[in-house]
Amino acid sequence: MPHLLALLAVMNTSKAKSNVIRRMFREIDAETYIMVDTDDTYPVETVVNIMKMITARRADMVVGFRLSSIYKTQNKHLFHTLGNNLLRNSINHLFHTNIQDIMTEYRAFSYEFVKSFPVLGSGFTN
């Protein structure tokens, strides 16, 4: 069965990423949602794999990963790296997972996740 693929790029005047996510979750109806930042650190060829995990109902949210060689050269903030590692290790320990890049903005979501997840944050700006 062929899939309909639509791309919607949303411009948002607010710096807060939570506002963009809240708007996407509220205004767009789709079977699968792909969220990706525009900093060119994401392997675009893997989008089919993360979409398949959602459409096969194996997950409601799939966390992608950044191209580590590019991200490591762009991320010059020591405390960002330390904080990200602390958060990632805590989540992996608590939930028995092996997520490599918890702060990535390369994610796929199911319709059920998007329409039931409350985006309550008002921040997470760069």
PDB file of N, CA and C in Angstrom:
ATOM      1  N   MET A   1       0.840  -1.176   0.000  1.00  0.00           N
ATOM      2  CA  MET A   1       0.000   0.000   0.000  1.00  0.00           C
ATOM      3  C   MET A   1       0.885   1.239   0.000  1.00  0.00           C
ATOM      4  N   PRO A   2       0.720   2.125  -0.942  1.00  0.00           N
ATOM      5  CA  PRO A   2       1.563   3.330  -0.997  1.00  0.00           C
ATOM      6  C   PRO A   2       1.226   4.277   0.148  1.00  0.00           C
ATOM      7  N   HIS A   3       2.231   5.009   0.583  1.00  0.00           N
ATOM      8  CA  HIS A   3       2.059   5.985   1.648  1.00  0.00           C
ATOM      9  C   HIS A   3       2.063   7.380   1.049  1.00  0.00           C
ATOM     10  N   LEU A   4       1.208   8.208   1.560  1.00  0.00           N
ATOM     11  CA  LEU A   4       1.197   9.608   1.170  1.00  0.00           C
ATOM     12  C   LEU A   4       2.171  10.332   2.070  1.00  0.00           C
ATOM     13  N   LEU A   5       3.098  11.034   1.492  1.00  0.00           N
ATOM     14  CA  LEU A   5       4.090  11.769   2.260  1.00  0.00           C
ATOM     15  C   LEU A   5       3.910  13.250   1.985  1.00  0.00           C
ATOM     16  N   ALA A   6       3.707  13.983   3.025  1.00  0.00           N
ATOM     17  CA  ALA A   6       3.554  15.429   2.893  1.00  0.00           C
ATOM     18  C   ALA A   6       4.603  16.087   3.759  1.00  0.00           C
ATOM     19  N   LEU A   7       5.115  17.166   3.289  1.00  0.00           N
ATOM     20  CA  LEU A   7       6.115  17.924   4.036  1.00  0.00           C
ATOM     21  C   LEU A   7       5.522  19.281   4.356  1.00  0.00           C
ATOM     22  N   LEU A   8       5.615  19.619   5.610  1.00  0.00           N
ATOM     23  CA  LEU A   8       5.141  20.922   6.035  1.00  0.00           C
ATOM     24  C   LEU A   8       6.248  21.564   6.855  1.00  0.00           C
ATOM     25  N   ALA A   9       6.758  22.651   6.362  1.00  0.00           N
ATOM     26  CA  ALA A   9       7.760  23.413   7.105  1.00  0.00           C
ATOM     27  C   ALA A   9       7.038  24.566   7.772  1.00  0.00           C
ATOM     28  N   VAL A  10       7.208  24.663   9.066  1.00  0.00           N
ATOM     29  CA  VAL A  10       6.499  25.683   9.825  1.00  0.00           C
ATOM     30  C   VAL A  10       7.492  26.739  10.291  1.00  0.00           C
ATOM     31  N   MET A  11       7.231  27.967   9.927  1.00  0.00           N
ATOM     32  CA  MET A  11       8.032  29.081  10.417  1.00  0.00           C
ATOM     33  C   MET A  11       7.369  29.565  11.701  1.00  0.00           C
ATOM     34  N   ASN A  12       8.167  29.803  12.693  1.00  0.00           N
ATOM     35  CA  ASN A  12       7.628  30.248  13.968  1.00  0.00           C
ATOM     36  C   ASN A  12       8.442  31.438  14.437  1.00  0.00           C
ATOM     37  N   THR A  13       7.783  32.480  14.887  1.00  0.00           N
ATOM     38  CA  THR A  13       8.491  33.690  15.306  1.00  0.00           C
ATOM     39  C   THR A  13       9.044  33.574  16.721  1.00  0.00           C
ATOM     40  N   SER A  14       8.531  32.639  17.499  1.00  0.00           N
ATOM     41  CA  SER A  14       9.021  32.448  18.862  1.00  0.00           C
ATOM     42  C   SER A  14      10.294  31.615  18.846  1.00  0.00           C
ATOM     43  N   LYS A  15      11.249  31.953  19.733  1.00  0.00           N
ATOM     44  CA  LYS A  15      12.475  31.170  19.831  1.00  0.00           C
ATOM     45  C   LYS A  15      12.247  29.819  20.488  1.00  0.00           C
ATOM     46  N   ALA A  16      11.244  29.713  21.321  1.00  0.00           N
ATOM     47  CA  ALA A  16      11.044  28.499  22.102  1.00  0.00           C
ATOM     48  C   ALA A  16      10.601  27.342  21.217  1.00  0.00           C
ATOM     49  N   LYS A  17      11.369  26.264  21.258  1.00  0.00           N
ATOM     50  CA  LYS A  17      11.043  25.083  20.461  1.00  0.00           C
ATOM     51  C   LYS A  17       9.748  24.441  20.930  1.00  0.00           C
ATOM     52  N   SER A  18       9.437  24.589  22.199  1.00  0.00           N
ATOM     53  CA  SER A  18       8.187  24.002  22.695  1.00  0.00           C
ATOM     54  C   SER A  18       6.979  24.609  21.991  1.00  0.00           C
ATOM     55  N   ASN A  19       7.058  25.870  21.602  1.00  0.00           N
ATOM     56  CA  ASN A  19       5.949  26.502  20.879  1.00  0.00           C
ATOM     57  C   ASN A  19       5.770  25.889  19.499  1.00  0.00           C
ATOM     58  N   VAL A  20       6.852  25.565  18.844  1.00  0.00           N
ATOM     59  CA  VAL A  20       6.780  24.922  17.531  1.00  0.00           C
ATOM     60  C   VAL A  20       6.179  23.526  17.677  1.00  0.00           C
ATOM     61  N   ILE A  21       6.636  22.786  18.670  1.00  0.00           N
ATOM     62  CA  ILE A  21       6.136  21.425  18.885  1.00  0.00           C
ATOM     63  C   ILE A  21       4.652  21.466  19.254  1.00  0.00           C
ATOM     64  N   ARG A  22       4.280  22.354  20.141  1.00  0.00           N
ATOM     65  CA  ARG A  22       2.881  22.488  20.529  1.00  0.00           C
ATOM     66  C   ARG A  22       2.023  22.802  19.309  1.00  0.00           C
ATOM     67  N   ARG A  23       2.495  23.704  18.460  1.00  0.00           N
ATOM     68  CA  ARG A  23       1.739  24.085  17.260  1.00  0.00           C
ATOM     69  C   ARG A  23       1.628  22.910  16.298  1.00  0.00           C
ATOM     70  N   MET A  24       2.720  22.184  16.097  1.00  0.00           N
ATOM     71  CA  MET A  24       2.698  21.023  15.206  1.00  0.00           C
ATOM     72  C   MET A  24       1.706  19.986  15.720  1.00  0.00           C
ATOM     73  N   PHE A  25       1.773  19.683  17.008  1.00  0.00           N
ATOM     74  CA  PHE A  25       0.894  18.676  17.589  1.00  0.00           C
ATOM     75  C   PHE A  25      -0.572  19.090  17.500  1.00  0.00           C
ATOM     76  N   ARG A  26      -0.854  20.382  17.623  1.00  0.00           N
ATOM     77  CA  ARG A  26      -2.230  20.875  17.616  1.00  0.00           C
ATOM     78  C   ARG A  26      -2.790  20.997  16.200  1.00  0.00           C
ATOM     79  N   GLU A  27      -1.989  21.482  15.248  1.00  0.00           N
ATOM     80  CA  GLU A  27      -2.527  21.874  13.944  1.00  0.00           C
ATOM     81  C   GLU A  27      -2.408  20.826  12.850  1.00  0.00           C
ATOM     82  N   ILE A  28      -1.590  19.830  13.023  1.00  0.00           N
ATOM     83  CA  ILE A  28      -1.343  18.873  11.944  1.00  0.00           C
ATOM     84  C   ILE A  28      -1.926  17.514  12.319  1.00  0.00           C
ATOM     85  N   ASP A  29      -2.675  16.915  11.391  1.00  0.00           N
ATOM     86  CA  ASP A  29      -3.187  15.559  11.558  1.00  0.00           C
ATOM     87  C   ASP A  29      -2.497  14.666  10.537  1.00  0.00           C
ATOM     88  N   ALA A  30      -1.791  13.656  11.051  1.00  0.00           N
ATOM     89  CA  ALA A  30      -1.074  12.733  10.174  1.00  0.00           C
ATOM     90  C   ALA A  30      -0.939  11.390  10.872  1.00  0.00           C
ATOM     91  N   GLU A  31      -0.653  10.361  10.113  1.00  0.00           N
ATOM     92  CA  GLU A  31      -0.425   9.041  10.697  1.00  0.00           C
ATOM     93  C   GLU A  31       0.925   9.001  11.408  1.00  0.00           C
ATOM     94  N   THR A  32       1.915   9.634  10.790  1.00  0.00           N
ATOM     95  CA  THR A  32       3.273   9.654  11.336  1.00  0.00           C
ATOM     96  C   THR A  32       3.813  11.074  11.251  1.00  0.00           C
ATOM     97  N   TYR A  33       4.474  11.499  12.301  1.00  0.00           N
ATOM     98  CA  TYR A  33       5.067  12.830  12.367  1.00  0.00           C
ATOM     99  C   TYR A  33       6.576  12.667  12.462  1.00  0.00           C
ATOM    100  N   ILE A  34       7.302  13.445  11.682  1.00  0.00           N
ATOM    101  CA  ILE A  34       8.760  13.454  11.750  1.00  0.00           C
ATOM    102  C   ILE A  34       9.178  14.864  12.150  1.00  0.00           C
ATOM    103  N   MET A  35       9.978  14.946  13.187  1.00  0.00           N
ATOM    104  CA  MET A  35      10.494  16.238  13.625  1.00  0.00           C
ATOM    105  C   MET A  35      12.005  16.230  13.430  1.00  0.00           C
ATOM    106  N   VAL A  36      12.489  17.252  12.762  1.00  0.00           N
ATOM    107  CA  VAL A  36      13.934  17.354  12.531  1.00  0.00           C
ATOM    108  C   VAL A  36      14.333  18.821  12.555  1.00  0.00           C
ATOM    109  N   ASP A  37      15.436  19.100  13.203  1.00  0.00           N
ATOM    110  CA  ASP A  37      15.966  20.456  13.252  1.00  0.00           C
ATOM    111  C   ASP A  37      16.715  20.707  11.941  1.00  0.00           C
ATOM    112  N   THR A  38      16.993  21.933  11.659  1.00  0.00           N
ATOM    113  CA  THR A  38      17.614  22.282  10.372  1.00  0.00           C
ATOM    114  C   THR A  38      19.109  22.529  10.479  1.00  0.00           C
ATOM    115  N   ASP A  39      19.761  21.936  11.472  1.00  0.00           N
ATOM    116  CA  ASP A  39      21.193  22.200  11.633  1.00  0.00           C
ATOM    117  C   ASP A  39      22.079  21.235  10.837  1.00  0.00           C
ATOM    118  N   ASP A  40      21.473  20.397  10.005  1.00  0.00           N
ATOM    119  CA  ASP A  40      22.200  19.513   9.085  1.00  0.00           C
ATOM    120  C   ASP A  40      23.108  18.516   9.812  1.00  0.00           C
ATOM    121  N   THR A  41      22.666  18.023  10.969  1.00  0.00           N
ATOM    122  CA  THR A  41      23.446  17.000  11.677  1.00  0.00           C
ATOM    123  C   THR A  41      22.686  15.683  11.740  1.00  0.00           C
ATOM    124  N   TYR A  42      21.662  15.532  10.898  1.00  0.00           N
ATOM    125  CA  TYR A  42      20.827  14.337  10.938  1.00  0.00           C
ATOM    126  C   TYR A  42      20.967  13.530   9.656  1.00  0.00           C
ATOM    127  N   PRO A  43      21.112  12.206   9.778  1.00  0.00           N
ATOM    128  CA  PRO A  43      21.232  11.360   8.585  1.00  0.00           C
ATOM    129  C   PRO A  43      19.867  11.149   7.938  1.00  0.00           C
ATOM    130  N   VAL A  44      19.560  11.915   6.942  1.00  0.00           N
ATOM    131  CA  VAL A  44      18.248  11.913   6.299  1.00  0.00           C
ATOM    132  C   VAL A  44      17.869  10.543   5.747  1.00  0.00           C
ATOM    133  N   GLU A  45      18.828   9.748   5.357  1.00  0.00           N
ATOM    134  CA  GLU A  45      18.512   8.444   4.773  1.00  0.00           C
ATOM    135  C   GLU A  45      17.884   7.475   5.772  1.00  0.00           C
ATOM    136  N   THR A  46      17.936   7.777   7.060  1.00  0.00           N
ATOM    137  CA  THR A  46      17.345   6.890   8.061  1.00  0.00           C
ATOM    138  C   THR A  46      15.881   7.200   8.342  1.00  0.00           C
ATOM    139  N   VAL A  47      15.324   8.226   7.716  1.00  0.00           N
ATOM    140  CA  VAL A  47      13.939   8.607   7.992  1.00  0.00           C
ATOM    141  C   VAL A  47      12.967   7.469   7.678  1.00  0.00           C
ATOM    142  N   VAL A  48      13.232   6.692   6.657  1.00  0.00           N
ATOM    143  CA  VAL A  48      12.351   5.572   6.309  1.00  0.00           C
ATOM    144  C   VAL A  48      12.317   4.552   7.440  1.00  0.00           C
ATOM    145  N   ASN A  49      13.466   4.285   8.042  1.00  0.00           N
ATOM    146  CA  ASN A  49      13.514   3.305   9.134  1.00  0.00           C
ATOM    147  C   ASN A  49      12.724   3.763  10.353  1.00  0.00           C
ATOM    148  N   ILE A  50      12.848   5.028  10.720  1.00  0.00           N
ATOM    149  CA  ILE A  50      12.110   5.465  11.901  1.00  0.00           C
ATOM    150  C   ILE A  50      10.620   5.585  11.602  1.00  0.00           C
ATOM    151  N   MET A  51      10.266   5.895  10.364  1.00  0.00           N
ATOM    152  CA  MET A  51       8.853   5.909   9.984  1.00  0.00           C
ATOM    153  C   MET A  51       8.259   4.509  10.061  1.00  0.00           C
ATOM    154  N   LYS A  52       9.007   3.516   9.609  1.00  0.00           N
ATOM    155  CA  LYS A  52       8.511   2.129   9.628  1.00  0.00           C
ATOM    156  C   LYS A  52       8.214   1.644  11.041  1.00  0.00           C
ATOM    157  N   MET A  53       9.011   2.072  12.004  1.00  0.00           N
ATOM    158  CA  MET A  53       8.766   1.660  13.388  1.00  0.00           C
ATOM    159  C   MET A  53       7.433   2.213  13.892  1.00  0.00           C
ATOM    160  N   ILE A  54       7.067   3.398  13.434  1.00  0.00           N
ATOM    161  CA  ILE A  54       5.790   3.991  13.823  1.00  0.00           C
ATOM    162  C   ILE A  54       4.646   3.323  13.063  1.00  0.00           C
ATOM    163  N   THR A  55       4.768   3.204  11.747  1.00  0.00           N
ATOM    164  CA  THR A  55       3.666   2.655  10.947  1.00  0.00           C
ATOM    165  C   THR A  55       3.435   1.170  11.231  1.00  0.00           C
ATOM    166  N   ALA A  56       4.464   0.455  11.657  1.00  0.00           N
ATOM    167  CA  ALA A  56       4.302  -0.959  12.030  1.00  0.00           C
ATOM    168  C   ALA A  56       3.795  -1.094  13.461  1.00  0.00           C
ATOM    169  N   ARG A  57       3.538   0.021  14.118  1.00  0.00           N
ATOM    170  CA  ARG A  57       3.033   0.053  15.491  1.00  0.00           C
ATOM    171  C   ARG A  57       3.991  -0.579  16.501  1.00  0.00           C
ATOM    172  N   ARG A  58       5.296  -0.472  16.210  1.00  0.00           N
ATOM    173  CA  ARG A  58       6.310  -0.982  17.139  1.00  0.00           C
ATOM    174  C   ARG A  58       6.659   0.049  18.198  1.00  0.00           C
ATOM    175  N   ALA A  59       6.297   1.313  17.948  1.00  0.00           N
ATOM    176  CA  ALA A  59       6.605   2.382  18.900  1.00  0.00           C
ATOM    177  C   ALA A  59       5.678   3.558  18.642  1.00  0.00           C
ATOM    178  N   ASP A  60       5.486   4.377  19.670  1.00  0.00           N
ATOM    179  CA  ASP A  60       4.744   5.623  19.511  1.00  0.00           C
ATOM    180  C   ASP A  60       5.675   6.812  19.348  1.00  0.00           C
ATOM    181  N   MET A  61       6.935   6.648  19.781  1.00  0.00           N
ATOM    182  CA  MET A  61       7.947   7.673  19.556  1.00  0.00           C
ATOM    183  C   MET A  61       9.272   6.968  19.294  1.00  0.00           C
ATOM    184  N   VAL A  62       9.951   7.404  18.257  1.00  0.00           N
ATOM    185  CA  VAL A  62      11.273   6.874  17.923  1.00  0.00           C
ATOM    186  C   VAL A  62      12.266   8.024  18.000  1.00  0.00           C
ATOM    187  N   VAL A  63      13.360   7.792  18.711  1.00  0.00           N
ATOM    188  CA  VAL A  63      14.394   8.803  18.869  1.00  0.00           C
ATOM    189  C   VAL A  63      15.500   8.507  17.866  1.00  0.00           C
ATOM    190  N   GLY A  64      15.741   9.451  16.950  1.00  0.00           N
ATOM    191  CA  GLY A  64      16.820   9.301  15.978  1.00  0.00           C
ATOM    192  C   GLY A  64      18.143   9.694  16.596  1.00  0.00           C
ATOM    193  N   PHE A  65      19.111   9.939  15.762  1.00  0.00           N
ATOM    194  CA  PHE A  65      20.429  10.321  16.270  1.00  0.00           C
ATOM    195  C   PHE A  65      21.078  11.299  15.310  1.00  0.00           C
ATOM    196  N   ARG A  66      21.986  12.080  15.856  1.00  0.00           N
ATOM    197  CA  ARG A  66      22.747  13.033  15.037  1.00  0.00           C
ATOM    198  C   ARG A  66      23.968  12.345  14.465  1.00  0.00           C
ATOM    199  N   LEU A  67      24.479  12.915  13.406  1.00  0.00           N
ATOM    200  CA  LEU A  67      25.754  12.448  12.870  1.00  0.00           C
ATOM    201  C   LEU A  67      26.818  12.866  13.872  1.00  0.00           C
ATOM    202  N   SER A  68      27.333  11.922  14.625  1.00  0.00           N
ATOM    203  CA  SER A  68      28.168  12.251  15.785  1.00  0.00           C
ATOM    204  C   SER A  68      29.422  13.031  15.415  1.00  0.00           C
ATOM    205  N   SER A  69      30.020  12.747  14.279  1.00  0.00           N
ATOM    206  CA  SER A  69      31.248  13.457  13.933  1.00  0.00           C
ATOM    207  C   SER A  69      30.981  14.947  13.702  1.00  0.00           C
ATOM    208  N   ILE A  70      29.855  15.270  13.091  1.00  0.00           N
ATOM    209  CA  ILE A  70      29.505  16.669  12.854  1.00  0.00           C
ATOM    210  C   ILE A  70      29.096  17.329  14.160  1.00  0.00           C
ATOM    211  N   TYR A  71      28.262  16.653  14.946  1.00  0.00           N
ATOM    212  CA  TYR A  71      27.763  17.237  16.189  1.00  0.00           C
ATOM    213  C   TYR A  71      28.903  17.519  17.162  1.00  0.00           C
ATOM    214  N   LYS A  72      29.840  16.600  17.278  1.00  0.00           N
ATOM    215  CA  LYS A  72      30.942  16.785  18.230  1.00  0.00           C
ATOM    216  C   LYS A  72      31.820  17.971  17.846  1.00  0.00           C
ATOM    217  N   THR A  73      31.973  18.228  16.565  1.00  0.00           N
ATOM    218  CA  THR A  73      32.786  19.372  16.159  1.00  0.00           C
ATOM    219  C   THR A  73      32.016  20.680  16.317  1.00  0.00           C
ATOM    220  N   GLN A  74      30.675  20.631  16.213  1.00  0.00           N
ATOM    221  CA  GLN A  74      29.872  21.845  16.357  1.00  0.00           C
ATOM    222  C   GLN A  74      29.586  22.186  17.815  1.00  0.00           C
ATOM    223  N   ASN A  75      29.509  21.169  18.685  1.00  0.00           N
ATOM    224  CA  ASN A  75      29.166  21.404  20.085  1.00  0.00           C
ATOM    225  C   ASN A  75      30.437  21.706  20.870  1.00  0.00           C
ATOM    226  N   LYS A  76      30.660  22.964  21.140  1.00  0.00           N
ATOM    227  CA  LYS A  76      31.864  23.409  21.850  1.00  0.00           C
ATOM    228  C   LYS A  76      31.573  23.715  23.316  1.00  0.00           C
ATOM    229  N   HIS A  77      30.368  23.414  23.783  1.00  0.00           N
ATOM    230  CA  HIS A  77      29.957  23.768  25.132  1.00  0.00           C
ATOM    231  C   HIS A  77      30.179  22.590  26.080  1.00  0.00           C
ATOM    232  N   LEU A  78      31.181  22.688  26.935  1.00  0.00           N
ATOM    233  CA  LEU A  78      31.526  21.620  27.863  1.00  0.00           C
ATOM    234  C   LEU A  78      30.349  21.249  28.759  1.00  0.00           C
ATOM    235  N   PHE A  79      29.677  22.242  29.320  1.00  0.00           N
ATOM    236  CA  PHE A  79      28.585  21.950  30.245  1.00  0.00           C
ATOM    237  C   PHE A  79      27.372  21.364  29.536  1.00  0.00           C
ATOM    238  N   HIS A  80      27.150  21.705  28.253  1.00  0.00           N
ATOM    239  CA  HIS A  80      26.078  21.062  27.483  1.00  0.00           C
ATOM    240  C   HIS A  80      26.365  19.575  27.364  1.00  0.00           C
ATOM    241  N   THR A  81      27.596  19.242  27.029  1.00  0.00           N
ATOM    242  CA  THR A  81      27.984  17.839  26.874  1.00  0.00           C
ATOM    243  C   THR A  81      27.848  17.091  28.191  1.00  0.00           C
ATOM    244  N   LEU A  82      28.334  17.685  29.275  1.00  0.00           N
ATOM    245  CA  LEU A  82      28.224  17.038  30.585  1.00  0.00           C
ATOM    246  C   LEU A  82      26.764  16.848  30.989  1.00  0.00           C
ATOM    247  N   GLY A  83      25.951  17.876  30.807  1.00  0.00           N
ATOM    248  CA  GLY A  83      24.527  17.793  31.145  1.00  0.00           C
ATOM    249  C   GLY A  83      23.793  16.772  30.299  1.00  0.00           C
ATOM    250  N   ASN A  84      24.083  16.760  28.993  1.00  0.00           N
ATOM    251  CA  ASN A  84      23.460  15.784  28.100  1.00  0.00           C
ATOM    252  C   ASN A  84      23.827  14.367  28.504  1.00  0.00           C
ATOM    253  N   ASN A  85      25.099  14.146  28.848  1.00  0.00           N
ATOM    254  CA  ASN A  85      25.539  12.811  29.261  1.00  0.00           C
ATOM    255  C   ASN A  85      24.862  12.385  30.559  1.00  0.00           C
ATOM    256  N   LEU A  86      24.751  13.304  31.509  1.00  0.00           N
ATOM    257  CA  LEU A  86      24.090  12.992  32.779  1.00  0.00           C
ATOM    258  C   LEU A  86      22.621  12.630  32.555  1.00  0.00           C
ATOM    259  N   LEU A  87      21.933  13.426  31.757  1.00  0.00           N
ATOM    260  CA  LEU A  87      20.528  13.161  31.467  1.00  0.00           C
ATOM    261  C   LEU A  87      20.358  11.836  30.727  1.00  0.00           C
ATOM    262  N   ARG A  88      21.170  11.619  29.693  1.00  0.00           N
ATOM    263  CA  ARG A  88      21.085  10.383  28.907  1.00  0.00           C
ATOM    264  C   ARG A  88      21.330   9.161  29.781  1.00  0.00           C
ATOM    265  N   ASN A  89      22.381   9.197  30.595  1.00  0.00           N
ATOM    266  CA  ASN A  89      22.689   8.051  31.451  1.00  0.00           C
ATOM    267  C   ASN A  89      21.579   7.801  32.468  1.00  0.00           C
ATOM    268  N   SER A  90      20.997   8.859  33.005  1.00  0.00           N
ATOM    269  CA  SER A  90      19.905   8.710  33.962  1.00  0.00           C
ATOM    270  C   SER A  90      18.683   8.064  33.312  1.00  0.00           C
ATOM    271  N   ILE A  91      18.308   8.549  32.130  1.00  0.00           N
ATOM    272  CA  ILE A  91      17.147   7.991  31.426  1.00  0.00           C
ATOM    273  C   ILE A  91      17.400   6.544  31.032  1.00  0.00           C
ATOM    274  N   ASN A  92      18.579   6.263  30.509  1.00  0.00           N
ATOM    275  CA  ASN A  92      18.894   4.880  30.124  1.00  0.00           C
ATOM    276  C   ASN A  92      18.857   3.951  31.332  1.00  0.00           C
ATOM    277  N   HIS A  93      19.336   4.415  32.457  1.00  0.00           N
ATOM    278  CA  HIS A  93      19.324   3.583  33.672  1.00  0.00           C
ATOM    279  C   HIS A  93      17.898   3.378  34.185  1.00  0.00           C
ATOM    280  N   LEU A  94      17.131   4.454  34.268  1.00  0.00           N
ATOM    281  CA  LEU A  94      15.774   4.367  34.808  1.00  0.00           C
ATOM    282  C   LEU A  94      14.826   3.549  33.939  1.00  0.00           C
ATOM    283  N   PHE A  95      14.976   3.665  32.620  1.00  0.00           N
ATOM    284  CA  PHE A  95      14.027   3.024  31.714  1.00  0.00           C
ATOM    285  C   PHE A  95      14.621   1.825  30.965  1.00  0.00           C
ATOM    286  N   HIS A  96      15.832   1.414  31.349  1.00  0.00           N
ATOM    287  CA  HIS A  96      16.487   0.243  30.743  1.00  0.00           C
ATOM    288  C   HIS A  96      16.532   0.360  29.215  1.00  0.00           C
ATOM    289  N   THR A  97      17.019   1.505  28.758  1.00  0.00           N
ATOM    290  CA  THR A  97      17.140   1.759  27.325  1.00  0.00           C
ATOM    291  C   THR A  97      18.602   1.981  26.973  1.00  0.00           C
ATOM    292  N   ASN A  98      18.852   2.217  25.719  1.00  0.00           N
ATOM    293  CA  ASN A  98      20.202   2.509  25.259  1.00  0.00           C
ATOM    294  C   ASN A  98      20.163   3.669  24.260  1.00  0.00           C
ATOM    295  N   ILE A  99      19.525   4.755  24.655  1.00  0.00           N
ATOM    296  CA  ILE A  99      19.435   5.934  23.791  1.00  0.00           C
ATOM    297  C   ILE A  99      20.799   6.611  23.766  1.00  0.00           C
ATOM    298  N   GLN A 100      21.293   6.880  22.570  1.00  0.00           N
ATOM    299  CA  GLN A 100      22.610   7.481  22.422  1.00  0.00           C
ATOM    300  C   GLN A 100      22.579   9.004  22.420  1.00  0.00           C
ATOM    301  N   ASP A 101      21.466   9.585  21.980  1.00  0.00           N
ATOM    302  CA  ASP A 101      21.401  11.041  21.822  1.00  0.00           C
ATOM    303  C   ASP A 101      20.035  11.527  22.293  1.00  0.00           C
ATOM    304  N   ILE A 102      19.881  11.690  23.592  1.00  0.00           N
ATOM    305  CA  ILE A 102      18.585  12.037  24.178  1.00  0.00           C
ATOM    306  C   ILE A 102      18.123  13.429  23.779  1.00  0.00           C
ATOM    307  N   MET A 103      19.028  14.333  23.477  1.00  0.00           N
ATOM    308  CA  MET A 103      18.660  15.710  23.175  1.00  0.00           C
ATOM    309  C   MET A 103      18.403  15.953  21.680  1.00  0.00           C
ATOM    310  N   THR A 104      18.437  14.914  20.893  1.00  0.00           N
ATOM    311  CA  THR A 104      18.223  15.065  19.469  1.00  0.00           C
ATOM    312  C   THR A 104      16.827  15.589  19.152  1.00  0.00           C
ATOM    313  N   GLU A 105      16.733  16.322  18.091  1.00  0.00           N
ATOM    314  CA  GLU A 105      15.435  16.797  17.597  1.00  0.00           C
ATOM    315  C   GLU A 105      15.047  16.033  16.344  1.00  0.00           C
ATOM    316  N   TYR A 106      15.591  14.839  16.203  1.00  0.00           N
ATOM    317  CA  TYR A 106      15.256  13.944  15.099  1.00  0.00           C
ATOM    318  C   TYR A 106      14.405  12.834  15.691  1.00  0.00           C
ATOM    319  N   ARG A 107      13.090  12.968  15.562  1.00  0.00           N
ATOM    320  CA  ARG A 107      12.163  12.034  16.193  1.00  0.00           C
ATOM    321  C   ARG A 107      10.991  11.754  15.274  1.00  0.00           C
ATOM    322  N   ALA A 108      10.386  10.610  15.495  1.00  0.00           N
ATOM    323  CA  ALA A 108       9.143  10.255  14.814  1.00  0.00           C
ATOM    324  C   ALA A 108       8.104   9.979  15.889  1.00  0.00           C
ATOM    325  N   PHE A 109       6.859  10.352  15.600  1.00  0.00           N
ATOM    326  CA  PHE A 109       5.766  10.175  16.548  1.00  0.00           C
ATOM    327  C   PHE A 109       4.563   9.552  15.844  1.00  0.00           C
ATOM    328  N   SER A 110       3.795   8.772  16.590  1.00  0.00           N
ATOM    329  CA  SER A 110       2.526   8.263  16.079  1.00  0.00           C
ATOM    330  C   SER A 110       1.434   9.302  16.299  1.00  0.00           C
ATOM    331  N   TYR A 111       0.338   9.142  15.589  1.00  0.00           N
ATOM    332  CA  TYR A 111      -0.816  10.022  15.768  1.00  0.00           C
ATOM    333  C   TYR A 111      -1.295   9.966  17.214  1.00  0.00           C
ATOM    334  N   GLU A 112      -1.370   8.769  17.774  1.00  0.00           N
ATOM    335  CA  GLU A 112      -1.854   8.597  19.143  1.00  0.00           C
ATOM    336  C   GLU A 112      -0.979   9.342  20.145  1.00  0.00           C
ATOM    337  N   PHE A 113       0.326   9.293  19.950  1.00  0.00           N
ATOM    338  CA  PHE A 113       1.238  10.007  20.842  1.00  0.00           C
ATOM    339  C   PHE A 113       1.014  11.510  20.748  1.00  0.00           C
ATOM    340  N   VAL A 114       0.999  12.011  19.522  1.00  0.00           N
ATOM    341  CA  VAL A 114       0.884  13.453  19.296  1.00  0.00           C
ATOM    342  C   VAL A 114      -0.402  14.022  19.872  1.00  0.00           C
ATOM    343  N   LYS A 115      -1.493  13.311  19.691  1.00  0.00           N
ATOM    344  CA  LYS A 115      -2.784  13.845  20.132  1.00  0.00           C
ATOM    345  C   LYS A 115      -3.056  13.625  21.619  1.00  0.00           C
ATOM    346  N   SER A 116      -2.198  12.872  22.303  1.00  0.00           N
ATOM    347  CA  SER A 116      -2.421  12.650  23.726  1.00  0.00           C
ATOM    348  C   SER A 116      -1.306  13.209  24.618  1.00  0.00           C
ATOM    349  N   PHE A 117      -0.211  13.660  24.021  1.00  0.00           N
ATOM    350  CA  PHE A 117       0.923  14.154  24.805  1.00  0.00           C
ATOM    351  C   PHE A 117       0.757  15.641  25.112  1.00  0.00           C
ATOM    352  N   PRO A 118       0.750  16.011  26.366  1.00  0.00           N
ATOM    353  CA  PRO A 118       0.607  17.430  26.702  1.00  0.00           C
ATOM    354  C   PRO A 118       1.953  18.150  26.609  1.00  0.00           C
ATOM    355  N   VAL A 119       2.063  19.093  25.708  1.00  0.00           N
ATOM    356  CA  VAL A 119       3.282  19.883  25.616  1.00  0.00           C
ATOM    357  C   VAL A 119       3.090  21.076  26.541  1.00  0.00           C
ATOM    358  N   LEU A 120       3.633  20.942  27.739  1.00  0.00           N
ATOM    359  CA  LEU A 120       3.405  21.943  28.775  1.00  0.00           C
ATOM    360  C   LEU A 120       4.523  22.958  28.893  1.00  0.00           C
ATOM    361  N   GLY A 121       5.705  22.623  28.377  1.00  0.00           N
ATOM    362  CA  GLY A 121       6.851  23.512  28.514  1.00  0.00           C
ATOM    363  C   GLY A 121       6.644  24.823  27.789  1.00  0.00           C
ATOM    364  N   SER A 122       7.332  25.832  28.271  1.00  0.00           N
ATOM    365  CA  SER A 122       7.255  27.124  27.612  1.00  0.00           C
ATOM    366  C   SER A 122       8.615  27.569  27.129  1.00  0.00           C
ATOM    367  N   GLY A 123       9.567  26.675  27.155  1.00  0.00           N
ATOM    368  CA  GLY A 123      10.921  27.091  26.807  1.00  0.00           C
ATOM    369  C   GLY A 123      11.619  26.126  25.890  1.00  0.00           C
ATOM    370  N   PHE A 124      12.737  25.700  26.275  1.00  0.00           N
ATOM    371  CA  PHE A 124      13.827  25.031  25.599  1.00  0.00           C
ATOM    372  C   PHE A 124      14.223  25.735  24.327  1.00  0.00           C
ATOM    373  N   THR A 125      14.845  26.871  24.554  1.00  0.00           N
ATOM    374  CA  THR A 125      15.409  27.669  23.479  1.00  0.00           C
ATOM    375  C   THR A 125      16.875  27.336  23.319  1.00  0.00           C
ATOM    376  N   ASN A 126      17.433  27.726  22.206  1.00  0.00           N
ATOM    377  CA  ASN A 126      18.873  27.516  21.976  1.00  0.00           C
ATOM    378  C   ASN A 126      19.663  28.610  22.610  1.00  0.00           C
TER     379      ASN A 126
END
